[in-house]
Structures are given as structure tokens and as C-alpha cells.
Amino acid sequence: MQFRVALTTEAINLPCETCKLLEELLVSAGVPMGMAKKQSQKLAPIEKKAKRKASAYSIKYGKAFKRVAGKYKLKSGKWAKDGFKRAQKAAHKLAKKMR
């Protein structure tokens, strides 16, 4: 099955070349122009948000939690009863004392 890409005379205001190509392919396949624009914009690559920088305290807390977590786990690796809650409290207490 061959597709013939029909270029339209309407101005296509899409952010990238990929979106334009997708729209042209959809239009040539018989999809209405309005629907093709919506679908090609949905399929467009999404910009990634910048990651937030972790605070100094959250880094200290994470290290402290990893240090104390083993004391509150069973041999199988599961959390003991109220183990996570107690580990969290111990980690906060240890993080306050860390430099």
C-alpha cells in the first residue's frame, strides 16, 4: 500500500519537523485536517522539566536512613512491624546530628 503525501497550501504552525511529517501522513491517509493537527501535536515530543536540586538536609536524611534501615528490617528484607516508621524517626534524629 503506497501513501502519496499531499502537501497542503495551508500554513502549518507546528513546533518541529516531526510534527509536520506526522500531520502530512495523517492527512494523506484521509484523516480530516483538524483531527490530524490535534493528533500530531499529541505525538510531539514533550520537553522535560528541569529536576529540582535536593536540599542539604534531604541528602543528609537519605544517607542516615540508609544507615539505620537495616536495624528495622527482618532477615528476609521485609520491614518489621512499624519498622519503617521507627527507621524514619531514627534517621531524622541522626540527620540532625550529622554535619
Protein backbone atom coordinates (compact mmCIF):
# COMPACT_ATOMS: atom_id res chain seq x y z
CA MET A 1 0.00 0.00 0.00
CA GLN A 2 1.52 3.28 -1.06
CA PHE A 3 0.87 6.65 0.50
CA ARG A 4 1.23 9.77 -1.52
CA VAL A 5 1.98 12.76 0.66
CA ALA A 6 -0.16 15.68 -0.41
CA LEU A 7 1.31 18.97 0.71
CA THR A 8 -1.36 21.46 1.60
CA THR A 9 -1.20 25.15 0.93
CA GLU A 10 -2.31 25.95 4.48
CA ALA A 11 0.38 27.23 6.79
CA ILE A 12 1.35 24.55 9.27
CA ASN A 13 2.43 26.12 12.56
CA LEU A 14 3.89 23.15 14.39
CA PRO A 15 6.93 23.16 16.63
CA CYS A 16 9.09 20.60 14.81
CA GLU A 17 9.67 18.78 11.54
CA THR A 18 8.45 15.50 13.03
CA CYS A 19 5.07 17.04 13.81
CA LYS A 20 4.77 18.37 10.26
CA LEU A 21 5.59 14.97 8.82
CA LEU A 22 3.07 13.25 11.07
CA GLU A 23 0.36 15.70 10.09
CA GLU A 24 1.08 15.27 6.39
CA LEU A 25 0.95 11.49 6.70
CA LEU A 26 -2.35 11.61 8.57
CA VAL A 27 -3.89 13.99 6.01
CA SER A 28 -2.70 11.82 3.12
CA ALA A 29 -4.29 8.78 4.81
CA GLY A 30 -7.66 10.53 4.73
CA VAL A 31 -7.82 11.93 8.26
CA PRO A 32 -9.50 15.38 8.40
CA MET A 33 -7.09 18.33 8.74
CA GLY A 34 -8.35 19.43 12.18
CA MET A 35 -8.05 15.93 13.58
CA ALA A 36 -4.59 15.46 12.04
CA LYS A 37 -3.28 18.63 13.71
CA LYS A 38 -4.57 17.53 17.13
CA GLN A 39 -3.09 14.05 16.81
CA SER A 40 0.29 15.21 15.53
CA GLN A 41 0.58 17.67 18.43
CA LYS A 42 -0.23 14.90 20.92
CA LEU A 43 2.50 12.73 19.45
CA ALA A 44 5.07 15.54 19.54
CA PRO A 45 8.00 15.09 21.93
CA ILE A 46 7.39 16.66 25.33
CA GLU A 47 10.03 18.88 26.89
CA LYS A 48 11.38 17.53 30.15
CA LYS A 49 11.20 19.71 33.22
CA ALA A 50 14.43 20.53 35.00
CA LYS A 51 15.00 18.47 38.13
CA ARG A 52 14.93 20.31 41.43
CA LYS A 53 18.14 20.33 43.40
CA ALA A 54 17.97 18.28 46.60
CA SER A 55 18.43 20.29 49.78
CA ALA A 56 21.39 19.62 52.05
CA TYR A 57 19.07 18.23 54.73
CA SER A 58 17.34 15.80 52.38
CA ILE A 59 20.73 14.44 51.30
CA LYS A 60 21.77 14.01 54.95
CA TYR A 61 18.45 12.36 55.75
CA GLY A 62 18.77 9.95 52.83
CA LYS A 63 22.23 8.84 53.94
CA ALA A 64 21.08 8.49 57.55
CA PHE A 65 18.02 6.46 56.50
CA LYS A 66 20.15 4.03 54.51
CA ARG A 67 22.44 3.67 57.51
CA VAL A 68 19.67 2.82 60.02
CA ALA A 69 17.19 0.96 57.79
CA GLY A 70 18.83 -2.44 58.33
CA LYS A 71 18.13 -2.33 62.05
CA TYR A 72 14.37 -2.18 61.39
CA LYS A 73 14.14 -4.95 58.79
CA LEU A 74 13.66 -8.68 59.16
CA LYS A 75 16.15 -11.29 57.88
CA SER A 76 14.02 -11.70 54.76
CA GLY A 77 14.41 -8.00 53.95
CA LYS A 78 10.83 -7.08 54.77
CA TRP A 79 10.10 -4.22 57.13
CA ALA A 80 9.45 -5.24 60.73
CA LYS A 81 6.19 -4.18 62.39
CA ASP A 82 6.26 -0.34 62.45
CA GLY A 83 9.84 -0.67 61.18
CA PHE A 84 9.61 1.98 58.51
CA LYS A 85 8.08 4.50 60.90
CA ARG A 86 10.76 3.84 63.54
CA ALA A 87 13.56 3.93 60.92
CA GLN A 88 12.26 7.25 59.62
CA LYS A 89 12.22 8.75 63.12
CA ALA A 90 15.73 7.44 63.86
CA ALA A 91 17.02 8.79 60.54
CA HIS A 92 15.66 12.26 61.26
CA LYS A 93 17.27 12.20 64.69
CA LEU A 94 20.61 11.09 63.20
CA ALA A 95 20.40 13.63 60.35
CA LYS A 96 20.13 16.50 62.84
CA LYS A 97 23.43 15.44 64.40
CA MET A 98 25.26 14.97 61.07
CA ARG A 99 27.45 17.70 59.62
